Amino acid sequence: MALLLAGEKSFEVEAILFDKDGTLLEFSYTWGAWTRHMQEGFTAPLEAKGFPALPLAELGREWGISFGEDGVASGYDRSGPLAAGTLAELLALLTACGYRRGLSWSEARVFAQEGLHRAEGLMQQKRPALALPGVPELLAACRTAGLPAAVVTADETTSAVQHLSWLGLDGYFAEIIGTDQVDRGKPYGDMVELACRRLGVDPARVAVVGDTNGDMRMARAAGAGAAIGLAEAAQAGELPDADVVLPSCAQLRLRG
């Protein structure tokens, strides 16, 4: 048991469950790169067959991520598909982009899958990941206090483990649970409930930390003891179901 200090609030907890992207890792840095690779891999066969290209800005609008003129991701929609959806849902939206350009649904789906294979290979080579402020320090504090930590992410488990391992953070977590391990992803409480079963703790004694209201709703659905949102003050209103909203994990402290 430890006391988690979150701004002016405090919570007695037996474990902390973290979302991954936008919470532990800088969202746009990783997923901006992935989106660019997906767009390039999907557009090449489109143009080879004489169909209109898929611009990066259009795919960004489909998935909820914005890019500057230099092609670098500049922001993301916390309630959008890339932040809150599953891989299958993202591939379906990409397939629809091909279908609207004149491909059959089946052919567009093949292009999307081939683009995914290419993108994953490039991601493994380049390893684009950045820890957000306060994350390494908070995870180290959890370890020192003997407080279990777990990840509950809309990403696939294999991808989540990979991204965390690039920064050497995977070893801090007793469990890393992706949406592929449950029947229902966020905002349902299934991942929190599964994590708590594996950790042997009551959901009412855990804190869930995330950057989207889907994370907060997931915490509520599972009966978690605390739903802690991460957002700058200007975006705090996007997390109405949070118990407290802080700028980053740097504002979280543990007291044994």
Protein backbone atom coordinates (compact mmCIF):
# COMPACT_ATOMS: atom_id res chain seq x y z
CA MET A 1 0.00 0.00 0.00
CA ALA A 2 1.22 3.48 -0.85
CA LEU A 3 -0.15 7.00 -0.91
CA LEU A 4 -0.28 8.41 -4.43
CA LEU A 5 -0.14 12.21 -4.40
CA ALA A 6 -1.81 13.73 -7.46
CA GLY A 7 -1.89 17.49 -7.29
CA GLU A 8 -4.08 18.45 -4.34
CA LYS A 9 -5.58 14.96 -4.11
CA SER A 10 -4.20 11.74 -2.70
CA PHE A 11 -5.20 8.10 -3.10
CA GLU A 12 -4.24 4.98 -1.16
CA VAL A 13 -3.32 2.41 -3.80
CA GLU A 14 -1.99 -1.14 -4.09
CA ALA A 15 -1.08 -0.80 -7.79
CA ILE A 16 -0.98 1.74 -10.62
CA LEU A 17 -2.23 0.94 -14.12
CA PHE A 18 -0.91 3.11 -16.93
CA ASP A 19 -2.11 3.75 -20.44
CA LYS A 20 0.91 3.73 -22.78
CA ASP A 21 0.80 6.34 -25.57
CA GLY A 22 0.30 9.90 -24.40
CA THR A 23 0.83 8.73 -20.82
CA LEU A 24 4.19 6.94 -20.71
CA LEU A 25 5.39 7.66 -24.24
CA GLU A 26 5.09 10.79 -26.38
CA PHE A 27 2.14 9.97 -28.64
CA SER A 28 2.91 11.97 -31.77
CA TYR A 29 6.57 10.96 -31.90
CA THR A 30 5.76 7.25 -32.19
CA TRP A 31 2.43 7.30 -33.98
CA GLY A 32 3.32 10.16 -36.27
CA ALA A 33 6.19 8.05 -37.61
CA TRP A 34 3.95 5.00 -37.90
CA THR A 35 1.26 6.96 -39.76
CA ARG A 36 3.83 8.30 -42.24
CA HIS A 37 5.12 4.78 -42.90
CA MET A 38 1.57 3.48 -43.35
CA GLN A 39 0.69 6.31 -45.75
CA GLU A 40 3.82 5.73 -47.83
CA GLY A 41 3.31 1.97 -47.93
CA PHE A 42 -0.34 2.31 -48.94
CA THR A 43 0.18 5.06 -51.53
CA ALA A 44 2.96 3.34 -53.50
CA PRO A 45 0.81 0.44 -54.81
CA LEU A 46 -2.14 2.81 -55.32
CA GLU A 47 -0.13 5.01 -57.66
CA ALA A 48 1.45 1.98 -59.36
CA LYS A 49 -2.05 0.88 -60.37
CA GLY A 50 -3.06 4.35 -61.53
CA PHE A 51 -5.24 5.30 -58.56
CA PRO A 52 -5.05 8.66 -56.76
CA ALA A 53 -2.49 8.86 -53.96
CA LEU A 54 -3.51 9.02 -50.32
CA PRO A 55 -2.06 12.28 -48.91
CA LEU A 56 -0.65 12.20 -45.40
CA ALA A 57 -3.03 14.97 -44.31
CA GLU A 58 -6.04 12.94 -45.44
CA LEU A 59 -4.94 9.84 -43.54
CA GLY A 60 -4.28 12.08 -40.56
CA ARG A 61 -7.87 13.33 -40.67
CA GLU A 62 -9.16 9.76 -40.90
CA TRP A 63 -7.16 8.65 -37.89
CA GLY A 64 -7.12 11.80 -35.78
CA ILE A 65 -3.53 13.04 -36.03
CA SER A 66 -2.31 16.28 -37.60
CA PHE A 67 0.91 17.04 -39.45
CA GLY A 68 2.85 20.19 -40.26
CA GLU A 69 4.10 21.07 -43.73
CA ASP A 70 7.35 19.26 -42.90
CA GLY A 71 5.45 16.00 -42.41
CA VAL A 72 6.12 15.92 -38.67
CA ALA A 73 3.14 15.16 -36.43
CA SER A 74 1.99 18.28 -34.61
CA GLY A 75 -0.91 16.98 -32.49
CA TYR A 76 -3.56 14.31 -32.08
CA ASP A 77 -7.22 13.99 -31.23
CA ARG A 78 -7.54 12.39 -27.78
CA SER A 79 -10.95 11.06 -28.73
CA GLY A 80 -9.94 9.91 -32.24
CA PRO A 81 -9.31 6.48 -33.76
CA LEU A 82 -5.52 6.55 -33.47
CA ALA A 83 -5.65 7.45 -29.78
CA ALA A 84 -8.57 5.27 -28.77
CA GLY A 85 -9.18 2.73 -31.53
CA THR A 86 -7.84 -0.75 -32.20
CA LEU A 87 -5.46 -1.78 -34.95
CA ALA A 88 -8.31 -3.55 -36.73
CA GLU A 89 -10.35 -0.33 -36.70
CA LEU A 90 -7.44 1.70 -38.09
CA LEU A 91 -6.89 -0.81 -40.88
CA ALA A 92 -10.61 -0.71 -41.70
CA LEU A 93 -10.47 3.08 -42.06
CA LEU A 94 -7.40 2.80 -44.26
CA THR A 95 -9.08 0.13 -46.37
CA ALA A 96 -12.04 2.48 -46.82
CA CYS A 97 -9.65 5.15 -48.17
CA GLY A 98 -8.59 2.72 -50.90
CA TYR A 99 -12.16 1.68 -51.63
CA ARG A 100 -13.17 5.32 -52.13
CA ARG A 101 -10.35 5.64 -54.69
CA GLY A 102 -11.71 2.82 -56.81
CA LEU A 103 -10.09 -0.32 -55.39
CA SER A 104 -12.23 -3.29 -54.51
CA TRP A 105 -12.60 -3.74 -50.76
CA SER A 106 -10.57 -6.94 -50.91
CA GLU A 107 -7.70 -5.33 -52.80
CA ALA A 108 -7.70 -2.30 -50.53
CA ARG A 109 -7.53 -4.61 -47.52
CA VAL A 110 -4.50 -6.38 -49.00
CA PHE A 111 -2.79 -3.01 -49.59
CA ALA A 112 -3.50 -2.05 -45.97
CA GLN A 113 -2.04 -5.30 -44.62
CA GLU A 114 1.04 -5.03 -46.82
CA GLY A 115 1.48 -1.43 -45.69
CA LEU A 116 1.27 -2.57 -42.09
CA HIS A 117 3.98 -5.18 -42.63
CA ARG A 118 6.26 -2.55 -44.19
CA ALA A 119 5.55 0.01 -41.46
CA GLU A 120 6.27 -2.44 -38.66
CA GLY A 121 9.61 -3.31 -40.22
CA LEU A 122 10.59 0.36 -40.45
CA MET A 123 9.45 1.03 -36.90
CA GLN A 124 11.64 -1.78 -35.63
CA GLN A 125 14.62 -0.32 -37.48
CA LYS A 126 14.11 3.29 -36.38
CA ARG A 127 12.60 2.70 -32.91
CA PRO A 128 10.84 6.09 -32.55
CA ALA A 129 9.95 6.39 -28.87
CA LEU A 130 10.32 9.09 -26.23
CA ALA A 131 9.44 8.82 -22.54
CA LEU A 132 7.25 11.64 -21.27
CA PRO A 133 8.38 13.88 -18.38
CA GLY A 134 8.51 12.16 -15.00
CA VAL A 135 7.87 8.67 -16.32
CA PRO A 136 11.22 6.99 -15.56
CA GLU A 137 11.29 8.60 -12.13
CA LEU A 138 7.75 7.52 -11.24
CA LEU A 139 8.34 3.96 -12.40
CA ALA A 140 11.55 3.80 -10.37
CA ALA A 141 9.64 5.09 -7.34
CA CYS A 142 7.02 2.35 -7.81
CA ARG A 143 9.77 -0.26 -7.85
CA THR A 144 11.42 1.18 -4.75
CA ALA A 145 8.10 1.22 -2.91
CA GLY A 146 7.26 -2.33 -4.01
CA LEU A 147 4.13 -1.01 -5.72
CA PRO A 148 3.11 -3.10 -8.75
CA ALA A 149 2.68 -1.27 -12.05
CA ALA A 150 0.94 -2.50 -15.20
CA VAL A 151 0.13 -1.20 -18.67
CA VAL A 152 -3.39 -1.27 -20.11
CA THR A 153 -3.29 -0.04 -23.70
CA ALA A 154 -5.44 0.11 -26.82
CA ASP A 155 -2.33 -1.02 -28.68
CA GLU A 156 -1.60 -4.67 -29.42
CA THR A 157 0.39 -6.38 -26.65
CA THR A 158 3.38 -7.28 -28.84
CA SER A 159 3.66 -3.71 -30.09
CA ALA A 160 3.32 -2.30 -26.57
CA VAL A 161 6.09 -4.50 -25.21
CA GLN A 162 8.28 -3.56 -28.16
CA HIS A 163 7.77 0.19 -27.76
CA LEU A 164 8.51 0.08 -24.03
CA SER A 165 11.55 -2.14 -24.54
CA TRP A 166 13.08 0.44 -26.91
CA LEU A 167 13.43 2.72 -23.88
CA GLY A 168 14.24 -0.01 -21.38
CA LEU A 169 10.95 0.55 -19.54
CA ASP A 170 9.30 -2.84 -20.07
CA GLY A 171 10.99 -4.36 -17.01
CA TYR A 172 9.16 -1.99 -14.67
CA PHE A 173 5.79 -3.62 -15.34
CA ALA A 174 4.36 -6.74 -13.77
CA GLU A 175 1.83 -6.93 -16.62
CA ILE A 176 1.54 -5.37 -20.07
CA ILE A 177 -1.99 -5.87 -21.36
CA GLY A 178 -3.01 -4.92 -24.88
CA THR A 179 -6.49 -4.75 -26.29
CA ASP A 180 -5.93 -8.11 -28.00
CA GLN A 181 -6.06 -9.83 -24.60
CA VAL A 182 -9.66 -8.89 -23.83
CA ASP A 183 -13.04 -9.18 -25.52
CA ARG A 184 -13.79 -5.48 -25.10
CA GLY A 185 -11.25 -2.69 -25.20
CA LYS A 186 -11.54 0.85 -23.87
CA PRO A 187 -13.81 2.38 -22.62
CA TYR A 188 -14.96 -0.94 -21.12
CA GLY A 189 -13.32 -2.04 -17.91
CA ASP A 190 -12.06 -5.42 -19.15
CA MET A 191 -8.34 -4.56 -19.24
CA VAL A 192 -8.37 -3.07 -15.75
CA GLU A 193 -10.24 -6.09 -14.42
CA LEU A 194 -7.79 -8.48 -16.09
CA ALA A 195 -4.78 -6.57 -14.76
CA CYS A 196 -6.19 -6.58 -11.25
CA ARG A 197 -6.87 -10.32 -11.37
CA ARG A 198 -3.31 -11.00 -12.47
CA LEU A 199 -1.85 -8.65 -9.87
CA GLY A 200 -4.13 -10.00 -7.15
CA VAL A 201 -5.53 -6.60 -6.17
CA ASP A 202 -8.99 -5.13 -5.81
CA PRO A 203 -9.82 -2.60 -8.58
CA ALA A 204 -11.02 -0.25 -5.85
CA ARG A 205 -7.40 -0.08 -4.62
CA VAL A 206 -5.75 0.84 -7.92
CA ALA A 207 -5.21 4.09 -9.78
CA VAL A 208 -5.59 4.29 -13.55
CA VAL A 209 -3.46 6.94 -15.27
CA GLY A 210 -4.23 7.93 -18.87
CA ASP A 211 -4.51 10.77 -21.34
CA THR A 212 -7.95 10.16 -22.87
CA ASN A 213 -11.46 10.13 -21.48
CA GLY A 214 -11.68 6.55 -22.73
CA ASP A 215 -9.04 5.74 -20.09
CA MET A 216 -11.09 7.51 -17.46
CA ARG A 217 -14.28 5.73 -18.48
CA MET A 218 -12.42 2.41 -18.43
CA ALA A 219 -11.36 3.15 -14.85
CA ARG A 220 -14.93 4.03 -13.87
CA ALA A 221 -16.36 0.92 -15.53
CA ALA A 222 -13.97 -1.33 -13.59
CA GLY A 223 -14.59 0.43 -10.27
CA ALA A 224 -11.01 1.71 -9.98
CA GLY A 225 -10.15 3.75 -6.93
CA ALA A 226 -8.77 6.65 -8.94
CA ALA A 227 -8.98 7.91 -12.51
CA ILE A 228 -6.06 10.28 -13.09
CA GLY A 229 -5.99 12.18 -16.35
CA LEU A 230 -2.94 13.71 -18.01
CA ALA A 231 -3.46 16.86 -20.09
CA GLU A 232 -2.38 20.46 -20.16
CA ALA A 233 -4.82 22.93 -18.63
CA ALA A 234 -6.25 23.89 -22.03
CA GLN A 235 -7.21 20.26 -22.73
CA ALA A 236 -8.34 19.31 -19.22
CA GLY A 237 -11.99 19.67 -20.23
CA GLU A 238 -11.55 16.74 -22.62
CA LEU A 239 -11.28 14.41 -19.60
CA PRO A 240 -14.60 15.00 -17.79
CA ASP A 241 -14.56 11.61 -16.06
CA ALA A 242 -11.18 12.10 -14.37
CA ASP A 243 -10.88 12.53 -10.61
CA VAL A 244 -7.99 14.89 -11.22
CA VAL A 245 -6.14 16.16 -14.32
CA LEU A 246 -2.41 16.88 -14.25
CA PRO A 247 0.03 17.96 -16.99
CA SER A 248 2.17 14.80 -16.79
CA CYS A 249 3.46 11.96 -14.63
CA ALA A 250 6.00 14.43 -13.27
CA GLN A 251 3.25 15.76 -10.98
CA LEU A 252 2.62 12.34 -9.41
CA ARG A 253 4.42 11.40 -6.20
CA LEU A 254 4.48 8.31 -3.98
CA ARG A 255 4.61 8.26 -0.23
CA GLY A 256 5.13 4.88 1.41
